[in-house]
Amino acid sequence: MQQSIKNIFSSFSSSLVEDIEKNAIIQEFKAGDIIMRTGQYIKNTVLILSGSIKIYRQDENGGEFFMYYLQPGQACAISMICATKNEQSQIMAKVVEDVELVMVPLSLMDKWMMQHRSWYEFVIGTYRSRFEEVLEVVDSIAFRAMDERLEFYLKRHKDACGCLDLKLSHQEIADELNTSREVISRLLKKLEQRGTLKLHRNHIEILK
C-alpha cells in the first residue's frame, strides 16, 4: 500500500504515508457502484488511488445534477467536511471507472491536521480546488444558456478522461444537466452541424 500511496500522493510526507498504511484500508468498487448516498453518515475520508468517481447533488425528488469528477490523487472535500462534523452527506458519489480507494477513519482527520504538515496542505488544497470547481458550476447554471452549459459539460468530461471519445448517452447528459433528452439531442445536433463533434450511437466524438 505504502508505495502506491506515495506514487499517487507524491506530496505526502513519509511519516504521513506510514500513518495511512497503519490506520487506513484499501477498498475496491466497480463501475456503477454508489459509494456515498445523500443523507448517509460518513465514517471515512476517501482518497482515490485509481479509477474515477462522479459527484452529484440530488433534489428532494431524486433528480441528479452532476457537479464534478474525482480522479487519482484527489479526495472528496465534502466527505472531509462531513466527517469532521459528523454530519450527513449532502451529495451522492457514483463510480464511473472501477476504483481503488484509501479509506481514512474520520477520527484521524483533526489529529493529522496537527501532526502532518503535508496532510494539512493537502486538505486545504482539496477544499480550495473543489470550491473553485463548484463556483464554475454555479456560474454555468446562473449565467449561461443551455447550449453554453452543454459545451462546458462536454469540455469537463473531455478534460477529466483526457480523451476525445465520450461514452455518454443523450439521456445521461439530460439527467446530469437537469433538462430533457429532446433539448440535449437538438443542441448536440447543432454542435455536430458546426463540426464541433460527431454523434455515434452511445458515444460522442469531440472534433475540436
Protein backbone atom coordinates (compact mmCIF):
# COMPACT_ATOMS: atom_id res chain seq x y z
CA MET A 1 0.00 0.00 0.00
CA GLN A 2 2.75 2.43 1.01
CA GLN A 3 4.39 2.63 -2.42
CA SER A 4 1.06 3.06 -4.20
CA ILE A 5 0.10 5.93 -1.93
CA LYS A 6 3.49 7.60 -2.31
CA ASN A 7 3.33 7.30 -6.10
CA ILE A 8 -0.15 8.83 -6.38
CA PHE A 9 0.05 11.31 -3.50
CA SER A 10 3.61 12.46 -4.02
CA SER A 11 3.22 15.49 -1.72
CA PHE A 12 2.60 13.28 1.32
CA SER A 13 5.48 13.03 3.77
CA SER A 14 6.96 9.63 4.59
CA SER A 15 5.59 9.80 8.14
CA LEU A 16 2.09 10.54 6.83
CA VAL A 17 2.26 7.65 4.37
CA GLU A 18 3.32 5.36 7.23
CA ASP A 19 0.38 6.54 9.33
CA ILE A 20 -2.01 5.94 6.43
CA GLU A 21 -0.68 2.43 5.97
CA LYS A 22 -1.12 1.69 9.69
CA ASN A 23 -4.63 3.07 10.03
CA ALA A 24 -6.38 3.09 6.66
CA ILE A 25 -7.73 0.31 4.48
CA ILE A 26 -7.98 -0.06 0.71
CA GLN A 27 -11.33 -0.89 -0.85
CA GLU A 28 -12.27 -1.55 -4.46
CA PHE A 29 -15.57 -0.69 -6.14
CA LYS A 30 -16.94 -1.48 -9.59
CA ALA A 31 -18.30 0.94 -12.19
CA GLY A 32 -21.88 1.82 -11.34
CA ASP A 33 -21.49 1.29 -7.59
CA ILE A 34 -22.84 4.02 -5.30
CA ILE A 35 -20.20 4.59 -2.64
CA MET A 36 -21.87 7.54 -0.93
CA ARG A 37 -25.55 8.45 -0.73
CA THR A 38 -27.33 11.65 0.21
CA GLY A 39 -28.27 11.55 3.89
CA GLN A 40 -25.68 8.90 4.75
CA TYR A 41 -23.40 9.39 7.72
CA ILE A 42 -19.77 9.32 6.63
CA LYS A 43 -17.23 7.34 8.62
CA ASN A 44 -14.20 7.70 6.36
CA THR A 45 -12.39 10.24 4.25
CA VAL A 46 -11.86 8.87 0.75
CA LEU A 47 -8.58 9.11 -1.21
CA ILE A 48 -8.60 7.92 -4.85
CA LEU A 49 -5.76 5.66 -5.98
CA SER A 50 -7.22 4.64 -9.35
CA GLY A 51 -10.39 4.94 -11.41
CA SER A 52 -12.88 7.82 -11.36
CA ILE A 53 -15.99 8.91 -9.48
CA LYS A 54 -18.77 11.34 -10.31
CA ILE A 55 -20.18 13.58 -7.59
CA TYR A 56 -23.86 14.53 -7.81
CA ARG A 57 -26.22 16.81 -5.92
CA GLN A 58 -29.72 15.37 -5.57
CA ASP A 59 -33.02 17.20 -5.20
CA GLU A 60 -35.90 16.12 -2.99
CA ASN A 61 -37.43 14.13 -5.84
CA GLY A 62 -34.27 12.13 -6.51
CA GLY A 63 -33.16 14.17 -9.52
CA GLU A 64 -29.40 14.23 -10.03
CA PHE A 65 -27.18 17.13 -11.04
CA PHE A 66 -23.56 16.41 -11.97
CA MET A 67 -21.07 18.53 -10.01
CA TYR A 68 -17.54 17.24 -10.61
CA TYR A 69 -15.21 14.28 -11.09
CA LEU A 70 -12.84 12.73 -8.55
CA GLN A 71 -9.73 11.11 -10.00
CA PRO A 72 -6.46 9.53 -8.79
CA GLY A 73 -4.54 11.77 -6.41
CA GLN A 74 -7.71 13.55 -5.26
CA ALA A 75 -10.03 13.32 -2.27
CA CYS A 76 -13.67 14.13 -1.63
CA ALA A 77 -13.73 17.51 0.11
CA ILE A 78 -17.37 17.13 1.10
CA SER A 79 -16.64 13.82 2.82
CA MET A 80 -13.86 15.56 4.74
CA ILE A 81 -16.19 18.32 5.91
CA CYS A 82 -19.00 15.94 6.86
CA ALA A 83 -16.56 13.58 8.55
CA THR A 84 -15.05 16.25 10.79
CA LYS A 85 -18.51 17.46 11.86
CA ASN A 86 -20.16 14.03 11.92
CA GLU A 87 -22.83 15.30 9.55
CA GLN A 88 -24.88 13.56 6.89
CA SER A 89 -23.65 13.60 3.31
CA GLN A 90 -25.20 16.23 1.04
CA ILE A 91 -24.02 14.53 -2.15
CA MET A 92 -24.05 11.20 -3.96
CA ALA A 93 -20.88 9.58 -5.29
CA LYS A 94 -21.10 7.09 -8.17
CA VAL A 95 -18.19 5.06 -9.60
CA VAL A 96 -17.57 5.72 -13.31
CA GLU A 97 -14.49 3.53 -13.78
CA ASP A 98 -13.52 0.77 -11.32
CA VAL A 99 -11.85 2.48 -8.37
CA GLU A 100 -9.34 1.67 -5.67
CA LEU A 101 -9.88 3.85 -2.60
CA VAL A 102 -7.99 4.52 0.60
CA MET A 103 -10.49 4.77 3.45
CA VAL A 104 -9.13 7.00 6.22
CA PRO A 105 -11.09 6.89 9.52
CA LEU A 106 -12.67 10.24 10.34
CA SER A 107 -11.23 10.08 13.87
CA LEU A 108 -7.78 10.79 12.37
CA MET A 109 -8.71 13.91 10.39
CA ASP A 110 -8.09 16.51 13.13
CA LYS A 111 -5.14 14.64 14.57
CA TRP A 112 -3.32 14.51 11.24
CA MET A 113 -4.08 18.18 10.54
CA MET A 114 -1.97 18.93 13.63
CA GLN A 115 0.69 16.27 13.18
CA HIS A 116 1.38 16.28 9.43
CA ARG A 117 2.01 19.48 7.51
CA SER A 118 1.61 17.66 4.19
CA TRP A 119 -1.85 16.42 5.23
CA TYR A 120 -2.86 19.93 6.30
CA GLU A 121 -1.74 21.38 2.95
CA PHE A 122 -3.47 18.56 1.03
CA VAL A 123 -6.79 19.10 2.84
CA ILE A 124 -6.68 22.89 2.34
CA GLY A 125 -5.74 22.42 -1.32
CA THR A 126 -8.62 19.97 -1.75
CA TYR A 127 -11.10 22.44 -0.24
CA ARG A 128 -9.79 25.23 -2.50
CA SER A 129 -9.89 23.25 -5.75
CA ARG A 130 -13.38 21.87 -5.08
CA PHE A 131 -14.64 25.33 -4.13
CA GLU A 132 -13.32 26.77 -7.37
CA GLU A 133 -14.89 23.94 -9.35
CA VAL A 134 -18.26 24.41 -7.66
CA LEU A 135 -18.08 28.13 -8.47
CA GLU A 136 -17.61 27.24 -12.13
CA VAL A 137 -20.70 25.03 -11.98
CA VAL A 138 -22.71 27.81 -10.32
CA ASP A 139 -21.55 30.28 -12.99
CA SER A 140 -22.57 27.81 -15.66
CA ILE A 141 -26.07 27.45 -14.23
CA ALA A 142 -26.61 31.11 -13.39
CA PHE A 143 -25.08 32.92 -16.34
CA ARG A 144 -25.06 30.58 -19.33
CA ALA A 145 -27.74 29.42 -21.73
CA MET A 146 -28.28 25.68 -22.09
CA ASP A 147 -26.15 25.42 -25.25
CA GLU A 148 -23.20 27.01 -23.40
CA ARG A 149 -23.81 24.78 -20.38
CA LEU A 150 -23.72 21.74 -22.66
CA GLU A 151 -20.39 22.78 -24.20
CA PHE A 152 -18.99 23.43 -20.71
CA TYR A 153 -20.23 20.00 -19.59
CA LEU A 154 -18.64 18.21 -22.56
CA LYS A 155 -15.34 20.03 -22.01
CA ARG A 156 -15.24 18.97 -18.37
CA HIS A 157 -15.77 15.34 -19.35
CA LYS A 158 -13.15 15.57 -22.09
CA ASP A 159 -10.63 17.08 -19.66
CA ALA A 160 -11.47 14.50 -16.99
CA CYS A 161 -10.87 11.46 -19.18
CA GLY A 162 -8.12 13.04 -21.31
CA CYS A 163 -9.83 11.67 -24.40
CA LEU A 164 -11.95 12.79 -27.34
CA ASP A 165 -14.40 9.88 -27.24
CA LEU A 166 -17.02 10.41 -24.53
CA LYS A 167 -19.20 7.44 -23.59
CA LEU A 168 -22.29 9.49 -22.80
CA SER A 169 -25.87 8.94 -23.89
CA HIS A 170 -28.24 11.81 -24.62
CA GLN A 171 -30.41 10.75 -21.67
CA GLU A 172 -27.45 10.65 -19.29
CA ILE A 173 -26.43 14.18 -20.29
CA ALA A 174 -30.01 15.40 -19.92
CA ASP A 175 -30.28 13.87 -16.43
CA GLU A 176 -26.99 15.42 -15.31
CA LEU A 177 -27.92 18.85 -16.67
CA ASN A 178 -31.46 18.57 -15.30
CA THR A 179 -33.17 19.08 -18.65
CA SER A 180 -34.98 16.95 -21.24
CA ARG A 181 -33.47 14.46 -23.66
CA GLU A 182 -35.10 16.29 -26.57
CA VAL A 183 -33.34 19.55 -25.70
CA ILE A 184 -29.96 17.82 -25.44
CA SER A 185 -30.43 15.90 -28.70
CA ARG A 186 -31.32 19.12 -30.52
CA LEU A 187 -28.32 21.01 -29.15
CA LEU A 188 -25.94 18.13 -29.85
CA LYS A 189 -27.19 18.01 -33.43
CA LYS A 190 -26.41 21.73 -33.78
CA LEU A 191 -22.89 21.17 -32.45
CA GLU A 192 -22.45 18.33 -34.95
CA GLN A 193 -23.58 20.59 -37.80
CA ARG A 194 -20.99 23.17 -36.67
CA GLY A 195 -18.28 20.50 -36.87
CA THR A 196 -17.59 20.57 -33.13
CA LEU A 197 -18.39 16.91 -32.56
CA LYS A 198 -19.67 13.74 -34.22
CA LEU A 199 -22.58 11.78 -32.77
CA HIS A 200 -22.49 7.99 -32.53
CA ARG A 201 -24.98 5.53 -31.05
CA ASN A 202 -23.75 5.55 -27.45
CA HIS A 203 -20.82 7.90 -27.52
CA ILE A 204 -19.78 11.35 -28.68
CA GLU A 205 -16.59 12.08 -30.60
CA ILE A 206 -15.15 15.53 -29.92
CA LEU A 207 -13.60 17.02 -33.07
CA LYS A 208 -12.36 20.36 -31.79
